[in-house]
Amino acid sequence: MIYFLFVISAVIVAIFLYVLTVQKISMFGVMKAQGISGGYLSRSVIAQTFLLAAVGVLVGFILTLITGAFLPSAVPVAFDIVTMCIYGLILIVVAIMGAVFSVLTIVRIDPLKAIGG
């Protein structure tokens, strides 16, 4: 079940980033017309995705530990820190893989069409 959730999260992140990319096509077109390479834009999107995913995983990790600290001992919950870290890293990798669809869209943008000419 956990691995299927990784697939679902990859699809959700990919759709989210694709929608953001489509909304900014004209901006990417202007940037490409100014001479900014598709590779630079691709690296920028990947770096932003990494930062967002890392911050999200870190916040989730902290909130999980805080929640666990306030749960009464009658609640049968145990957190394995190593497993949580491994799954956190997997989520970051999955998020970056989801950004690949946006990168492919950015690389294929024709500046003239994106600007509206």
N, C-alpha and C. Protein backbone atom coordinates (compact mmCIF):
# COMPACT_ATOMS: atom_id res chain seq x y z
N MET A 1 0.82 -1.18 0.00
CA MET A 1 0.00 0.00 0.00
C MET A 1 0.88 1.26 0.00
N ILE A 2 1.96 1.24 0.73
CA ILE A 2 2.83 2.41 0.81
C ILE A 2 3.44 2.70 -0.56
N TYR A 3 3.82 1.66 -1.28
CA TYR A 3 4.44 1.87 -2.59
C TYR A 3 3.44 2.43 -3.59
N PHE A 4 2.19 2.01 -3.47
CA PHE A 4 1.16 2.57 -4.33
C PHE A 4 0.94 4.04 -4.02
N LEU A 5 1.09 4.43 -2.76
CA LEU A 5 0.99 5.83 -2.39
C LEU A 5 2.12 6.66 -3.00
N PHE A 6 3.30 6.05 -3.16
CA PHE A 6 4.39 6.74 -3.83
C PHE A 6 4.02 7.02 -5.29
N VAL A 7 3.39 6.06 -5.93
CA VAL A 7 2.96 6.25 -7.32
C VAL A 7 1.92 7.36 -7.39
N ILE A 8 0.97 7.35 -6.47
CA ILE A 8 -0.07 8.39 -6.45
C ILE A 8 0.57 9.76 -6.22
N SER A 9 1.51 9.84 -5.29
CA SER A 9 2.15 11.13 -5.03
C SER A 9 2.94 11.61 -6.24
N ALA A 10 3.57 10.70 -6.97
CA ALA A 10 4.31 11.09 -8.18
C ALA A 10 3.36 11.67 -9.22
N VAL A 11 2.20 11.05 -9.37
CA VAL A 11 1.22 11.54 -10.35
C VAL A 11 0.68 12.90 -9.92
N ILE A 12 0.39 13.07 -8.65
CA ILE A 12 -0.14 14.34 -8.16
C ILE A 12 0.89 15.45 -8.33
N VAL A 13 2.13 15.19 -7.98
CA VAL A 13 3.18 16.20 -8.12
C VAL A 13 3.39 16.53 -9.59
N ALA A 14 3.38 15.51 -10.45
CA ALA A 14 3.58 15.74 -11.88
C ALA A 14 2.45 16.61 -12.45
N ILE A 15 1.22 16.33 -12.07
CA ILE A 15 0.09 17.13 -12.55
C ILE A 15 0.19 18.56 -12.03
N PHE A 16 0.51 18.71 -10.76
CA PHE A 16 0.63 20.04 -10.15
C PHE A 16 1.70 20.85 -10.87
N LEU A 17 2.88 20.28 -11.07
CA LEU A 17 3.96 21.00 -11.73
C LEU A 17 3.64 21.27 -13.20
N TYR A 18 2.95 20.35 -13.85
CA TYR A 18 2.58 20.56 -15.25
C TYR A 18 1.61 21.73 -15.38
N VAL A 19 0.63 21.81 -14.47
CA VAL A 19 -0.31 22.93 -14.49
C VAL A 19 0.43 24.25 -14.27
N LEU A 20 1.35 24.27 -13.32
CA LEU A 20 2.14 25.48 -13.09
C LEU A 20 2.96 25.85 -14.33
N THR A 21 3.50 24.85 -15.00
CA THR A 21 4.29 25.09 -16.20
C THR A 21 3.43 25.65 -17.32
N VAL A 22 2.26 25.07 -17.51
CA VAL A 22 1.36 25.54 -18.57
C VAL A 22 0.94 26.98 -18.31
N GLN A 23 0.73 27.34 -17.06
CA GLN A 23 0.35 28.71 -16.73
C GLN A 23 1.49 29.69 -17.01
N LYS A 24 2.72 29.21 -17.03
CA LYS A 24 3.88 30.10 -17.22
C LYS A 24 4.53 29.93 -18.59
N ILE A 25 3.82 29.36 -19.55
CA ILE A 25 4.43 29.11 -20.86
C ILE A 25 4.90 30.41 -21.50
N SER A 26 4.10 31.47 -21.41
CA SER A 26 4.52 32.73 -22.04
C SER A 26 5.78 33.27 -21.37
N MET A 27 5.89 33.12 -20.07
CA MET A 27 7.09 33.58 -19.37
C MET A 27 8.31 32.76 -19.79
N PHE A 28 8.13 31.44 -19.90
CA PHE A 28 9.25 30.61 -20.37
C PHE A 28 9.61 30.96 -21.81
N GLY A 29 8.61 31.29 -22.63
CA GLY A 29 8.88 31.68 -24.01
C GLY A 29 9.70 32.95 -24.07
N VAL A 30 9.36 33.92 -23.23
CA VAL A 30 10.12 35.18 -23.19
C VAL A 30 11.56 34.89 -22.73
N MET A 31 11.70 34.04 -21.74
CA MET A 31 13.04 33.72 -21.23
C MET A 31 13.87 33.02 -22.31
N LYS A 32 13.24 32.12 -23.04
CA LYS A 32 13.98 31.44 -24.12
C LYS A 32 14.31 32.41 -25.24
N ALA A 33 13.40 33.37 -25.53
CA ALA A 33 13.68 34.37 -26.56
C ALA A 33 14.84 35.27 -26.15
N GLN A 34 15.03 35.47 -24.85
CA GLN A 34 16.13 36.28 -24.36
C GLN A 34 17.46 35.51 -24.38
N GLY A 35 17.40 34.23 -24.69
CA GLY A 35 18.63 33.45 -24.82
C GLY A 35 18.90 32.51 -23.67
N ILE A 36 17.99 32.41 -22.74
CA ILE A 36 18.17 31.47 -21.63
C ILE A 36 17.92 30.07 -22.16
N SER A 37 18.84 29.19 -21.93
CA SER A 37 18.76 27.85 -22.52
C SER A 37 17.70 26.99 -21.83
N GLY A 38 17.24 26.01 -22.59
CA GLY A 38 16.29 25.05 -22.03
C GLY A 38 16.91 24.25 -20.90
N GLY A 39 18.19 23.99 -20.99
CA GLY A 39 18.89 23.25 -19.93
C GLY A 39 18.90 24.02 -18.62
N TYR A 40 19.14 25.33 -18.72
CA TYR A 40 19.13 26.15 -17.51
C TYR A 40 17.74 26.18 -16.88
N LEU A 41 16.72 26.34 -17.71
CA LEU A 41 15.35 26.35 -17.21
C LEU A 41 14.98 25.00 -16.60
N SER A 42 15.44 23.93 -17.23
CA SER A 42 15.17 22.59 -16.72
C SER A 42 15.82 22.38 -15.35
N ARG A 43 17.07 22.78 -15.23
CA ARG A 43 17.76 22.65 -13.95
C ARG A 43 17.08 23.49 -12.87
N SER A 44 16.58 24.65 -13.26
CA SER A 44 15.89 25.52 -12.32
C SER A 44 14.62 24.86 -11.81
N VAL A 45 13.85 24.25 -12.70
CA VAL A 45 12.61 23.58 -12.28
C VAL A 45 12.92 22.40 -11.39
N ILE A 46 13.94 21.64 -11.72
CA ILE A 46 14.33 20.48 -10.90
C ILE A 46 14.79 20.95 -9.53
N ALA A 47 15.58 22.02 -9.48
CA ALA A 47 16.07 22.53 -8.19
C ALA A 47 14.91 23.04 -7.33
N GLN A 48 13.97 23.74 -7.95
CA GLN A 48 12.82 24.23 -7.20
C GLN A 48 11.97 23.07 -6.68
N THR A 49 11.80 22.05 -7.50
CA THR A 49 11.05 20.87 -7.08
C THR A 49 11.74 20.19 -5.91
N PHE A 50 13.06 20.07 -5.99
CA PHE A 50 13.81 19.45 -4.90
C PHE A 50 13.63 20.24 -3.60
N LEU A 51 13.74 21.56 -3.68
CA LEU A 51 13.59 22.38 -2.47
C LEU A 51 12.19 22.25 -1.89
N LEU A 52 11.17 22.31 -2.73
CA LEU A 52 9.80 22.17 -2.23
C LEU A 52 9.57 20.80 -1.60
N ALA A 53 10.06 19.76 -2.26
CA ALA A 53 9.86 18.41 -1.72
C ALA A 53 10.63 18.22 -0.42
N ALA A 54 11.85 18.74 -0.36
CA ALA A 54 12.66 18.60 0.86
C ALA A 54 12.02 19.33 2.03
N VAL A 55 11.54 20.55 1.77
CA VAL A 55 10.89 21.30 2.85
C VAL A 55 9.60 20.59 3.28
N GLY A 56 8.84 20.08 2.31
CA GLY A 56 7.61 19.36 2.64
C GLY A 56 7.87 18.12 3.48
N VAL A 57 8.89 17.37 3.10
CA VAL A 57 9.24 16.16 3.86
C VAL A 57 9.72 16.54 5.26
N LEU A 58 10.52 17.57 5.36
CA LEU A 58 11.03 18.01 6.66
C LEU A 58 9.90 18.48 7.58
N VAL A 59 8.98 19.28 7.03
CA VAL A 59 7.85 19.74 7.83
C VAL A 59 6.98 18.56 8.26
N GLY A 60 6.73 17.63 7.33
CA GLY A 60 5.95 16.45 7.67
C GLY A 60 6.62 15.60 8.74
N PHE A 61 7.93 15.47 8.64
CA PHE A 61 8.69 14.71 9.62
C PHE A 61 8.58 15.34 11.02
N ILE A 62 8.75 16.65 11.07
CA ILE A 62 8.67 17.36 12.35
C ILE A 62 7.27 17.27 12.94
N LEU A 63 6.26 17.48 12.11
CA LEU A 63 4.88 17.40 12.60
C LEU A 63 4.52 15.99 13.06
N THR A 64 5.07 14.98 12.39
CA THR A 64 4.83 13.60 12.82
C THR A 64 5.43 13.35 14.20
N LEU A 65 6.65 13.83 14.41
CA LEU A 65 7.28 13.65 15.72
C LEU A 65 6.55 14.42 16.81
N ILE A 66 6.08 15.61 16.49
CA ILE A 66 5.33 16.39 17.48
C ILE A 66 4.02 15.69 17.81
N THR A 67 3.33 15.20 16.79
CA THR A 67 2.07 14.48 17.01
C THR A 67 2.31 13.24 17.86
N GLY A 68 3.37 12.51 17.56
CA GLY A 68 3.70 11.30 18.33
C GLY A 68 4.00 11.61 19.78
N ALA A 69 4.56 12.77 20.04
CA ALA A 69 4.89 13.14 21.41
C ALA A 69 3.64 13.43 22.24
N PHE A 70 2.58 13.87 21.58
CA PHE A 70 1.36 14.22 22.30
C PHE A 70 0.33 13.09 22.35
N LEU A 71 0.58 12.01 21.63
CA LEU A 71 -0.37 10.89 21.67
C LEU A 71 -0.27 10.17 23.01
N PRO A 72 -1.40 9.77 23.55
CA PRO A 72 -1.35 9.04 24.83
C PRO A 72 -0.75 7.65 24.62
N SER A 73 -0.26 7.07 25.69
CA SER A 73 0.39 5.76 25.59
C SER A 73 -0.60 4.67 25.21
N ALA A 74 -1.89 4.92 25.32
CA ALA A 74 -2.90 3.93 24.95
C ALA A 74 -3.02 3.76 23.43
N VAL A 75 -2.51 4.73 22.68
CA VAL A 75 -2.56 4.65 21.22
C VAL A 75 -1.38 3.81 20.74
N PRO A 76 -1.67 2.72 20.04
CA PRO A 76 -0.58 1.82 19.61
C PRO A 76 0.12 2.31 18.34
N VAL A 77 0.98 3.32 18.49
CA VAL A 77 1.70 3.88 17.36
C VAL A 77 3.18 3.90 17.71
N ALA A 78 3.98 3.47 16.74
CA ALA A 78 5.44 3.52 16.90
C ALA A 78 6.04 4.06 15.61
N PHE A 79 6.95 5.00 15.74
CA PHE A 79 7.61 5.59 14.58
C PHE A 79 9.05 5.09 14.52
N ASP A 80 9.41 4.53 13.37
CA ASP A 80 10.78 4.11 13.14
C ASP A 80 11.47 5.22 12.35
N ILE A 81 12.40 5.90 12.98
CA ILE A 81 13.04 7.07 12.38
C ILE A 81 13.76 6.70 11.08
N VAL A 82 14.43 5.58 11.04
CA VAL A 82 15.17 5.18 9.84
C VAL A 82 14.21 4.96 8.67
N THR A 83 13.11 4.26 8.94
CA THR A 83 12.12 4.02 7.89
C THR A 83 11.50 5.33 7.41
N MET A 84 11.22 6.22 8.35
CA MET A 84 10.66 7.52 7.97
C MET A 84 11.64 8.30 7.09
N CYS A 85 12.91 8.24 7.40
CA CYS A 85 13.93 8.94 6.60
C CYS A 85 14.03 8.33 5.20
N ILE A 86 14.00 7.01 5.13
CA ILE A 86 14.07 6.34 3.82
C ILE A 86 12.86 6.72 2.97
N TYR A 87 11.66 6.68 3.56
CA TYR A 87 10.46 7.05 2.81
C TYR A 87 10.46 8.52 2.44
N GLY A 88 11.02 9.36 3.29
CA GLY A 88 11.15 10.77 2.97
C GLY A 88 12.05 10.99 1.76
N LEU A 89 13.18 10.29 1.72
CA LEU A 89 14.07 10.38 0.56
C LEU A 89 13.39 9.86 -0.71
N ILE A 90 12.63 8.78 -0.56
CA ILE A 90 11.91 8.24 -1.72
C ILE A 90 10.90 9.26 -2.22
N LEU A 91 10.20 9.93 -1.32
CA LEU A 91 9.23 10.95 -1.73
C LEU A 91 9.90 12.10 -2.46
N ILE A 92 11.09 12.48 -2.02
CA ILE A 92 11.81 13.55 -2.72
C ILE A 92 12.20 13.11 -4.12
N VAL A 93 12.69 11.89 -4.25
CA VAL A 93 13.05 11.36 -5.56
C VAL A 93 11.83 11.26 -6.47
N VAL A 94 10.72 10.81 -5.92
CA VAL A 94 9.48 10.69 -6.69
C VAL A 94 9.01 12.07 -7.15
N ALA A 95 9.14 13.07 -6.30
CA ALA A 95 8.76 14.43 -6.69
C ALA A 95 9.62 14.93 -7.84
N ILE A 96 10.90 14.65 -7.78
CA ILE A 96 11.80 15.07 -8.87
C ILE A 96 11.45 14.33 -10.15
N MET A 97 11.12 13.06 -10.05
CA MET A 97 10.70 12.31 -11.23
C MET A 97 9.41 12.90 -11.82
N GLY A 98 8.52 13.37 -10.96
CA GLY A 98 7.30 14.00 -11.43
C GLY A 98 7.56 15.30 -12.16
N ALA A 99 8.65 15.98 -11.83
CA ALA A 99 8.99 17.24 -12.48
C ALA A 99 9.51 17.04 -13.89
N VAL A 100 9.85 15.82 -14.25
CA VAL A 100 10.39 15.55 -15.58
C VAL A 100 9.37 15.92 -16.67
N PHE A 101 8.08 15.72 -16.42
CA PHE A 101 7.07 16.08 -17.41
C PHE A 101 7.06 17.58 -17.67
N SER A 102 7.23 18.36 -16.64
CA SER A 102 7.31 19.81 -16.81
C SER A 102 8.56 20.20 -17.57
N VAL A 103 9.65 19.52 -17.28
CA VAL A 103 10.91 19.81 -17.96
C VAL A 103 10.77 19.54 -19.46
N LEU A 104 10.12 18.43 -19.80
CA LEU A 104 9.93 18.12 -21.22
C LEU A 104 9.09 19.19 -21.91
N THR A 105 8.10 19.72 -21.23
CA THR A 105 7.27 20.79 -21.80
C THR A 105 8.09 22.06 -21.98
N ILE A 106 8.92 22.38 -21.01
CA ILE A 106 9.73 23.60 -21.09
C ILE A 106 10.73 23.52 -22.23
N VAL A 107 11.34 22.36 -22.41
CA VAL A 107 12.34 22.19 -23.46
C VAL A 107 11.70 22.35 -24.85
N ARG A 108 10.46 21.91 -24.99
CA ARG A 108 9.78 21.95 -26.29
C ARG A 108 9.11 23.29 -26.60
N ILE A 109 9.14 24.25 -25.69
CA ILE A 109 8.46 25.52 -25.92
C ILE A 109 9.13 26.27 -27.07
N ASP A 110 8.29 26.72 -28.01
CA ASP A 110 8.76 27.57 -29.09
C ASP A 110 8.52 29.01 -28.65
N PRO A 111 9.57 29.82 -28.53
CA PRO A 111 9.40 31.17 -28.00
C PRO A 111 8.39 32.01 -28.78
N LEU A 112 8.38 31.90 -30.09
CA LEU A 112 7.47 32.70 -30.89
C LEU A 112 6.02 32.34 -30.62
N LYS A 113 5.72 31.06 -30.54
CA LYS A 113 4.34 30.63 -30.25
C LYS A 113 3.95 30.94 -28.83
N ALA A 114 4.88 30.81 -27.91
CA ALA A 114 4.57 31.04 -26.49
C ALA A 114 4.26 32.51 -26.21
N ILE A 115 4.97 33.39 -26.92
CA ILE A 115 4.74 34.82 -26.71
C ILE A 115 3.44 35.26 -27.38
N GLY A 116 3.03 34.53 -28.39
CA GLY A 116 1.76 34.86 -29.04
C GLY A 116 1.93 35.42 -30.43
N GLY A 117 3.12 35.25 -30.98
CA GLY A 117 3.39 35.81 -32.31
C GLY A 117 3.12 34.86 -33.42
